[in-house]
Amino acid sequence: MKLLRFTSLASAILVAAFVFTGCTRRDDYYDPPPPTGYQYEFTEEFDNDTRGWAFTTDSSYALVQSGEYVFVDNSVNGELNTAVIPTGCDVDRDFLIQTRLESDNSIALIFGAYKQQHYGYSFFIDNSYQSFAIYNEGSSSQPLQTIKDFTVNGAINKTGYNNVEIEQRNGRWYFYINNTEVHSMQAEYLSGDEMGFMVLGQTKGYADYLRVKW
């Protein structure tokens, strides 16, 4: 679930901060501030592609379209691309990552990646089989590690979007699908603040938004 990796040069530019009651904005949108307990928020609504999410390879492509991020891999075995950008999140403190995902196979939320030195961790959702999985994606020198292999869970919608959340709280990770906790574990070290998405081969996936609060 790695090998090739996409990182936008344009996304390296952190956007301006906005001050709200009890929090500081780190994005270019005007959504409500984070709830009590978080000071900062990064938000991507995919209204445009100012952060440079789009890319194209021989067998895969991704683009921002009509308020969604569309990620397609037509290869047989998967090109194993990840599309991630820096969010500014302080991954050493409590945080919350939120998105909505849909696919015709398997799509993942990627978190904790860092400048190609570590590919981060993946939280996969498979609509067709109503299952999820969690992996440490490793690096060029560290192999993929399975944390939780694909497991069926009735909280997953077979069609349409699934609400996906990852929370780091008091040194533990909590994984949620449609407001149901599907897994928890001791938090592991995260190399960086890059978050994004990944699909397997023969997959068309969609993300509705990406929000990170810390």
C-alpha atoms as a PDB file:
ATOM      1  CA  MET A   1       0.000   0.000   0.000  1.00  0.00           C
ATOM      2  CA  LYS A   2       2.867   2.305  -0.789  1.00  0.00           C
ATOM      3  CA  LEU A   3       5.910   2.519  -3.135  1.00  0.00           C
ATOM      4  CA  LEU A   4       4.806   5.437  -5.310  1.00  0.00           C
ATOM      5  CA  ARG A   5       3.778   8.637  -3.633  1.00  0.00           C
ATOM      6  CA  PHE A   6       2.317  11.998  -4.699  1.00  0.00           C
ATOM      7  CA  THR A   7       3.057  15.189  -2.805  1.00  0.00           C
ATOM      8  CA  SER A   8       2.003  18.584  -4.107  1.00  0.00           C
ATOM      9  CA  LEU A   9       4.620  21.317  -4.263  1.00  0.00           C
ATOM     10  CA  ALA A  10       1.880  23.871  -4.111  1.00  0.00           C
ATOM     11  CA  SER A  11       0.588  22.356  -0.875  1.00  0.00           C
ATOM     12  CA  ALA A  12       3.849  23.142   0.877  1.00  0.00           C
ATOM     13  CA  ILE A  13       2.640  26.702   1.318  1.00  0.00           C
ATOM     14  CA  LEU A  14       0.658  26.983   4.525  1.00  0.00           C
ATOM     15  CA  VAL A  15      -2.341  29.226   4.187  1.00  0.00           C
ATOM     16  CA  ALA A  16      -3.062  32.251   6.342  1.00  0.00           C
ATOM     17  CA  ALA A  17      -4.341  31.889   9.898  1.00  0.00           C
ATOM     18  CA  PHE A  18      -7.653  33.326  11.052  1.00  0.00           C
ATOM     19  CA  VAL A  19      -8.538  34.039  14.666  1.00  0.00           C
ATOM     20  CA  PHE A  20     -11.930  32.943  16.023  1.00  0.00           C
ATOM     21  CA  THR A  21     -13.258  32.635  19.519  1.00  0.00           C
ATOM     22  CA  GLY A  22     -11.150  29.985  21.239  1.00  0.00           C
ATOM     23  CA  CYS A  23      -9.302  28.827  18.105  1.00  0.00           C
ATOM     24  CA  THR A  24      -7.023  29.812  15.248  1.00  0.00           C
ATOM     25  CA  ARG A  25      -7.833  28.982  11.653  1.00  0.00           C
ATOM     26  CA  ARG A  26      -5.189  27.492   9.378  1.00  0.00           C
ATOM     27  CA  ASP A  27      -7.060  27.334   6.112  1.00  0.00           C
ATOM     28  CA  ASP A  28      -8.740  29.534   3.535  1.00  0.00           C
ATOM     29  CA  TYR A  29     -12.350  28.720   4.352  1.00  0.00           C
ATOM     30  CA  TYR A  30     -14.904  30.103   6.790  1.00  0.00           C
ATOM     31  CA  ASP A  31     -16.425  27.118   8.527  1.00  0.00           C
ATOM     32  CA  PRO A  32     -17.374  27.113  12.233  1.00  0.00           C
ATOM     33  CA  PRO A  33     -14.388  26.910  14.607  1.00  0.00           C
ATOM     34  CA  PRO A  34     -13.393  23.631  16.280  1.00  0.00           C
ATOM     35  CA  PRO A  35     -15.303  22.525  19.377  1.00  0.00           C
ATOM     36  CA  THR A  36     -14.007  23.227  22.870  1.00  0.00           C
ATOM     37  CA  GLY A  37     -10.772  21.364  23.475  1.00  0.00           C
ATOM     38  CA  TYR A  38      -9.142  22.124  20.118  1.00  0.00           C
ATOM     39  CA  GLN A  39      -7.265  25.311  19.265  1.00  0.00           C
ATOM     40  CA  TYR A  40      -6.563  24.906  15.569  1.00  0.00           C
ATOM     41  CA  GLU A  41      -8.326  23.601  12.491  1.00  0.00           C
ATOM     42  CA  PHE A  42      -7.283  22.708   8.958  1.00  0.00           C
ATOM     43  CA  THR A  43     -10.142  22.364   6.463  1.00  0.00           C
ATOM     44  CA  GLU A  44     -10.269  21.257   2.836  1.00  0.00           C
ATOM     45  CA  GLU A  45     -13.734  21.337   1.260  1.00  0.00           C
ATOM     46  CA  PHE A  46     -12.570  20.609  -2.314  1.00  0.00           C
ATOM     47  CA  ASP A  47     -14.313  23.669  -3.690  1.00  0.00           C
ATOM     48  CA  ASN A  48     -11.172  24.269  -5.764  1.00  0.00           C
ATOM     49  CA  ASP A  49      -7.665  22.862  -6.124  1.00  0.00           C
ATOM     50  CA  THR A  50      -5.542  25.655  -4.677  1.00  0.00           C
ATOM     51  CA  ARG A  51      -3.539  23.087  -2.713  1.00  0.00           C
ATOM     52  CA  GLY A  52      -2.643  21.023  -5.774  1.00  0.00           C
ATOM     53  CA  TRP A  53      -4.364  17.680  -5.152  1.00  0.00           C
ATOM     54  CA  ALA A  54      -4.677  16.788  -8.840  1.00  0.00           C
ATOM     55  CA  PHE A  55      -2.179  14.461 -10.517  1.00  0.00           C
ATOM     56  CA  THR A  56      -1.934  12.038 -13.430  1.00  0.00           C
ATOM     57  CA  THR A  57       0.156   8.902 -14.054  1.00  0.00           C
ATOM     58  CA  ASP A  58      -0.046   6.206 -16.733  1.00  0.00           C
ATOM     59  CA  SER A  59      -2.817   4.292 -14.937  1.00  0.00           C
ATOM     60  CA  SER A  60      -4.170   6.644 -12.278  1.00  0.00           C
ATOM     61  CA  TYR A  61      -5.333  10.187 -11.781  1.00  0.00           C
ATOM     62  CA  ALA A  62      -6.957  12.451  -9.225  1.00  0.00           C
ATOM     63  CA  LEU A  63      -8.821  15.740  -9.486  1.00  0.00           C
ATOM     64  CA  VAL A  64     -11.015  18.139  -7.566  1.00  0.00           C
ATOM     65  CA  GLN A  65     -14.493  18.250  -9.050  1.00  0.00           C
ATOM     66  CA  SER A  66     -17.856  19.604  -7.846  1.00  0.00           C
ATOM     67  CA  GLY A  67     -16.883  19.729  -4.186  1.00  0.00           C
ATOM     68  CA  GLU A  68     -15.328  16.239  -4.165  1.00  0.00           C
ATOM     69  CA  TYR A  69     -11.856  14.768  -4.476  1.00  0.00           C
ATOM     70  CA  VAL A  70     -11.944  12.043  -7.122  1.00  0.00           C
ATOM     71  CA  PHE A  71      -9.127   9.462  -7.008  1.00  0.00           C
ATOM     72  CA  VAL A  72      -8.966   6.739  -9.703  1.00  0.00           C
ATOM     73  CA  ASP A  73      -6.512   3.846 -10.131  1.00  0.00           C
ATOM     74  CA  ASN A  74      -7.140   1.754 -13.248  1.00  0.00           C
ATOM     75  CA  SER A  75      -4.064  -0.455 -12.874  1.00  0.00           C
ATOM     76  CA  VAL A  76      -4.492  -4.186 -12.301  1.00  0.00           C
ATOM     77  CA  ASN A  77      -2.325  -4.448  -9.191  1.00  0.00           C
ATOM     78  CA  GLY A  78      -2.490  -0.844  -8.047  1.00  0.00           C
ATOM     79  CA  GLU A  79       0.046   1.904  -8.572  1.00  0.00           C
ATOM     80  CA  LEU A  80       0.028   2.448  -4.824  1.00  0.00           C
ATOM     81  CA  ASN A  81      -0.047   6.226  -4.893  1.00  0.00           C
ATOM     82  CA  THR A  82      -0.922   8.346  -1.906  1.00  0.00           C
ATOM     83  CA  ALA A  83      -2.063  11.962  -2.215  1.00  0.00           C
ATOM     84  CA  VAL A  84      -1.129  13.862   0.932  1.00  0.00           C
ATOM     85  CA  ILE A  85      -0.497  17.466   1.920  1.00  0.00           C
ATOM     86  CA  PRO A  86       0.842  19.144   5.086  1.00  0.00           C
ATOM     87  CA  THR A  87      -1.871  20.297   7.468  1.00  0.00           C
ATOM     88  CA  GLY A  88       0.128  21.992  10.232  1.00  0.00           C
ATOM     89  CA  CYS A  89      -1.329  19.577  12.803  1.00  0.00           C
ATOM     90  CA  ASP A  90       0.709  19.064  15.977  1.00  0.00           C
ATOM     91  CA  VAL A  91       0.563  15.265  16.020  1.00  0.00           C
ATOM     92  CA  ASP A  92       2.097  15.133  19.504  1.00  0.00           C
ATOM     93  CA  ARG A  93      -1.113  16.459  21.048  1.00  0.00           C
ATOM     94  CA  ASP A  94      -4.723  15.254  20.911  1.00  0.00           C
ATOM     95  CA  PHE A  95      -6.253  15.621  17.457  1.00  0.00           C
ATOM     96  CA  LEU A  96      -9.296  14.689  15.395  1.00  0.00           C
ATOM     97  CA  ILE A  97      -9.311  13.866  11.655  1.00  0.00           C
ATOM     98  CA  GLN A  98     -12.653  13.810   9.840  1.00  0.00           C
ATOM     99  CA  THR A  99     -13.697  12.973   6.292  1.00  0.00           C
ATOM    100  CA  ARG A 100     -16.392  11.229   4.225  1.00  0.00           C
ATOM    101  CA  LEU A 101     -15.291   8.447   1.880  1.00  0.00           C
ATOM    102  CA  GLU A 102     -16.935   6.415  -0.863  1.00  0.00           C
ATOM    103  CA  SER A 103     -15.523   3.949  -3.402  1.00  0.00           C
ATOM    104  CA  ASP A 104     -16.317   0.958  -5.585  1.00  0.00           C
ATOM    105  CA  ASN A 105     -13.516  -0.975  -3.875  1.00  0.00           C
ATOM    106  CA  SER A 106     -11.192   0.296  -1.125  1.00  0.00           C
ATOM    107  CA  ILE A 107     -10.199   3.851  -0.232  1.00  0.00           C
ATOM    108  CA  ALA A 108      -8.092   4.985   2.711  1.00  0.00           C
ATOM    109  CA  LEU A 109      -7.609   8.032   4.876  1.00  0.00           C
ATOM    110  CA  ILE A 110      -3.837   8.543   5.252  1.00  0.00           C
ATOM    111  CA  PHE A 111      -2.441  10.271   8.352  1.00  0.00           C
ATOM    112  CA  GLY A 112       0.943  11.026   9.892  1.00  0.00           C
ATOM    113  CA  ALA A 113       3.029  10.943   6.699  1.00  0.00           C
ATOM    114  CA  TYR A 114       6.184  13.025   6.298  1.00  0.00           C
ATOM    115  CA  LYS A 115       7.990  14.131   3.128  1.00  0.00           C
ATOM    116  CA  GLN A 116       8.438  10.675   1.615  1.00  0.00           C
ATOM    117  CA  GLN A 117      10.458   9.578   4.665  1.00  0.00           C
ATOM    118  CA  HIS A 118       7.430   7.772   6.044  1.00  0.00           C
ATOM    119  CA  TYR A 119       4.250   6.978   4.132  1.00  0.00           C
ATOM    120  CA  GLY A 120       2.074   7.332   7.213  1.00  0.00           C
ATOM    121  CA  TYR A 121      -0.778   5.156   8.447  1.00  0.00           C
ATOM    122  CA  SER A 122      -3.852   4.120   6.462  1.00  0.00           C
ATOM    123  CA  PHE A 123      -7.448   3.592   7.573  1.00  0.00           C
ATOM    124  CA  PHE A 124      -9.122   1.697   4.724  1.00  0.00           C
ATOM    125  CA  ILE A 125     -12.843   1.494   4.071  1.00  0.00           C
ATOM    126  CA  ASP A 126     -14.251  -1.090   1.640  1.00  0.00           C
ATOM    127  CA  ASN A 127     -17.845  -0.327   0.682  1.00  0.00           C
ATOM    128  CA  SER A 128     -18.460  -3.535  -1.268  1.00  0.00           C
ATOM    129  CA  TYR A 129     -17.496  -5.894   1.556  1.00  0.00           C
ATOM    130  CA  GLN A 130     -18.448  -3.506   4.374  1.00  0.00           C
ATOM    131  CA  SER A 131     -15.035  -3.898   5.932  1.00  0.00           C
ATOM    132  CA  PHE A 132     -12.145  -1.782   7.228  1.00  0.00           C
ATOM    133  CA  ALA A 133      -8.409  -2.206   7.771  1.00  0.00           C
ATOM    134  CA  ILE A 134      -5.524  -0.291   9.360  1.00  0.00           C
ATOM    135  CA  TYR A 135      -1.898  -0.363   8.209  1.00  0.00           C
ATOM    136  CA  ASN A 136       1.426   1.231   8.989  1.00  0.00           C
ATOM    137  CA  GLU A 137       2.427   2.052   5.418  1.00  0.00           C
ATOM    138  CA  GLY A 138       6.133   2.061   6.270  1.00  0.00           C
ATOM    139  CA  SER A 139       8.816   3.735   4.152  1.00  0.00           C
ATOM    140  CA  SER A 140      11.398   2.950   1.498  1.00  0.00           C
ATOM    141  CA  SER A 141      13.377   1.101   4.173  1.00  0.00           C
ATOM    142  CA  GLN A 142      10.508  -0.124   6.373  1.00  0.00           C
ATOM    143  CA  PRO A 143       7.989  -2.689   5.090  1.00  0.00           C
ATOM    144  CA  LEU A 144       4.232  -2.415   5.362  1.00  0.00           C
ATOM    145  CA  GLN A 145       2.863  -3.556   8.726  1.00  0.00           C
ATOM    146  CA  THR A 146      -0.662  -4.826   9.221  1.00  0.00           C
ATOM    147  CA  ILE A 147      -2.272  -3.396  12.331  1.00  0.00           C
ATOM    148  CA  LYS A 148      -5.812  -4.592  11.648  1.00  0.00           C
ATOM    149  CA  ASP A 149      -6.542  -6.717   8.584  1.00  0.00           C
ATOM    150  CA  PHE A 150      -9.803  -6.229   6.697  1.00  0.00           C
ATOM    151  CA  THR A 151     -12.665  -6.885   9.108  1.00  0.00           C
ATOM    152  CA  VAL A 152     -16.391  -6.810   8.359  1.00  0.00           C
ATOM    153  CA  ASN A 153     -18.371  -4.255  10.334  1.00  0.00           C
ATOM    154  CA  GLY A 154     -22.082  -3.519  10.025  1.00  0.00           C
ATOM    155  CA  ALA A 155     -21.564   0.197  10.637  1.00  0.00           C
ATOM    156  CA  ILE A 156     -20.215   0.562   7.093  1.00  0.00           C
ATOM    157  CA  ASN A 157     -22.633   1.601   4.358  1.00  0.00           C
ATOM    158  CA  LYS A 158     -22.463  -0.671   1.326  1.00  0.00           C
ATOM    159  CA  THR A 159     -23.287   2.222  -0.984  1.00  0.00           C
ATOM    160  CA  GLY A 160     -22.787   5.949  -0.651  1.00  0.00           C
ATOM    161  CA  TYR A 161     -20.542   7.906   1.666  1.00  0.00           C
ATOM    162  CA  ASN A 162     -19.238   6.732   5.034  1.00  0.00           C
ATOM    163  CA  ASN A 163     -18.283   9.214   7.742  1.00  0.00           C
ATOM    164  CA  VAL A 164     -14.745   8.440   8.894  1.00  0.00           C
ATOM    165  CA  GLU A 165     -12.914   9.790  11.939  1.00  0.00           C
ATOM    166  CA  ILE A 166      -9.589   9.149  13.640  1.00  0.00           C
ATOM    167  CA  GLU A 167      -9.083  10.579  17.112  1.00  0.00           C
ATOM    168  CA  GLN A 168      -5.873  10.717  19.119  1.00  0.00           C
ATOM    169  CA  ARG A 169      -6.819  11.116  22.770  1.00  0.00           C
ATOM    170  CA  ASN A 170      -4.749  10.532  25.898  1.00  0.00           C
ATOM    171  CA  GLY A 171      -2.178   8.484  24.032  1.00  0.00           C
ATOM    172  CA  ARG A 172      -4.636   6.249  22.181  1.00  0.00           C
ATOM    173  CA  TRP A 173      -6.073   6.122  18.685  1.00  0.00           C
ATOM    174  CA  TYR A 174      -9.808   5.687  18.143  1.00  0.00           C
ATOM    175  CA  PHE A 175     -11.202   4.809  14.714  1.00  0.00           C
ATOM    176  CA  TYR A 176     -14.821   5.619  13.904  1.00  0.00           C
ATOM    177  CA  ILE A 177     -17.102   4.857  10.957  1.00  0.00           C
ATOM    178  CA  ASN A 178     -20.525   6.516  10.898  1.00  0.00           C
ATOM    179  CA  ASN A 179     -20.171   7.485  14.573  1.00  0.00           C
ATOM    180  CA  THR A 180     -19.396   3.892  15.599  1.00  0.00           C
ATOM    181  CA  GLU A 181     -16.037   3.048  17.169  1.00  0.00           C
ATOM    182  CA  VAL A 182     -14.634   0.138  15.163  1.00  0.00           C
ATOM    183  CA  HIS A 183     -11.150  -0.077  16.663  1.00  0.00           C
ATOM    184  CA  SER A 184      -8.880   1.494  19.291  1.00  0.00           C
ATOM    185  CA  MET A 185      -5.213   1.019  20.101  1.00  0.00           C
ATOM    186  CA  GLN A 186      -2.188   2.566  21.754  1.00  0.00           C
ATOM    187  CA  ALA A 187      -1.054   5.526  19.683  1.00  0.00           C
ATOM    188  CA  GLU A 188       2.137   5.032  17.696  1.00  0.00           C
ATOM    189  CA  TYR A 189       4.755   7.606  16.753  1.00  0.00           C
ATOM    190  CA  LEU A 190       3.777   9.805  13.802  1.00  0.00           C
ATOM    191  CA  SER A 191       6.548  11.229  11.645  1.00  0.00           C
ATOM    192  CA  GLY A 192       4.652  14.231  10.324  1.00  0.00           C
ATOM    193  CA  ASP A 193       1.465  16.191   9.759  1.00  0.00           C
ATOM    194  CA  GLU A 194       0.660  15.147   6.179  1.00  0.00           C
ATOM    195  CA  MET A 195      -2.850  13.800   5.663  1.00  0.00           C
ATOM    196  CA  GLY A 196      -4.681  12.633   2.570  1.00  0.00           C
ATOM    197  CA  PHE A 197      -6.010   9.648   0.661  1.00  0.00           C
ATOM    198  CA  MET A 198      -5.163   6.436  -1.147  1.00  0.00           C
ATOM    199  CA  VAL A 199      -7.015   3.893  -3.292  1.00  0.00           C
ATOM    200  CA  LEU A 200      -6.210   0.333  -4.312  1.00  0.00           C
ATOM    201  CA  GLY A 201      -6.003  -0.876  -7.912  1.00  0.00           C
ATOM    202  CA  GLN A 202      -9.193  -0.991  -9.974  1.00  0.00           C
ATOM    203  CA  THR A 203     -10.796   1.581  -7.692  1.00  0.00           C
ATOM    204  CA  LYS A 204     -12.653   4.853  -8.107  1.00  0.00           C
ATOM    205  CA  GLY A 205     -12.881   6.684  -4.805  1.00  0.00           C
ATOM    206  CA  TYR A 206     -14.312   9.945  -3.540  1.00  0.00           C
ATOM    207  CA  ALA A 207     -13.634  12.189  -0.563  1.00  0.00           C
ATOM    208  CA  ASP A 208     -16.129  14.870   0.375  1.00  0.00           C
ATOM    209  CA  TYR A 209     -13.869  16.935   2.646  1.00  0.00           C
ATOM    210  CA  LEU A 210     -10.891  16.704   4.997  1.00  0.00           C
ATOM    211  CA  ARG A 211     -10.813  18.367   8.428  1.00  0.00           C
ATOM    212  CA  VAL A 212      -8.086  18.176  11.051  1.00  0.00           C
ATOM    213  CA  LYS A 213      -8.526  19.694  14.532  1.00  0.00           C
ATOM    214  CA  TRP A 214      -5.928  19.832  17.288  1.00  0.00           C
END
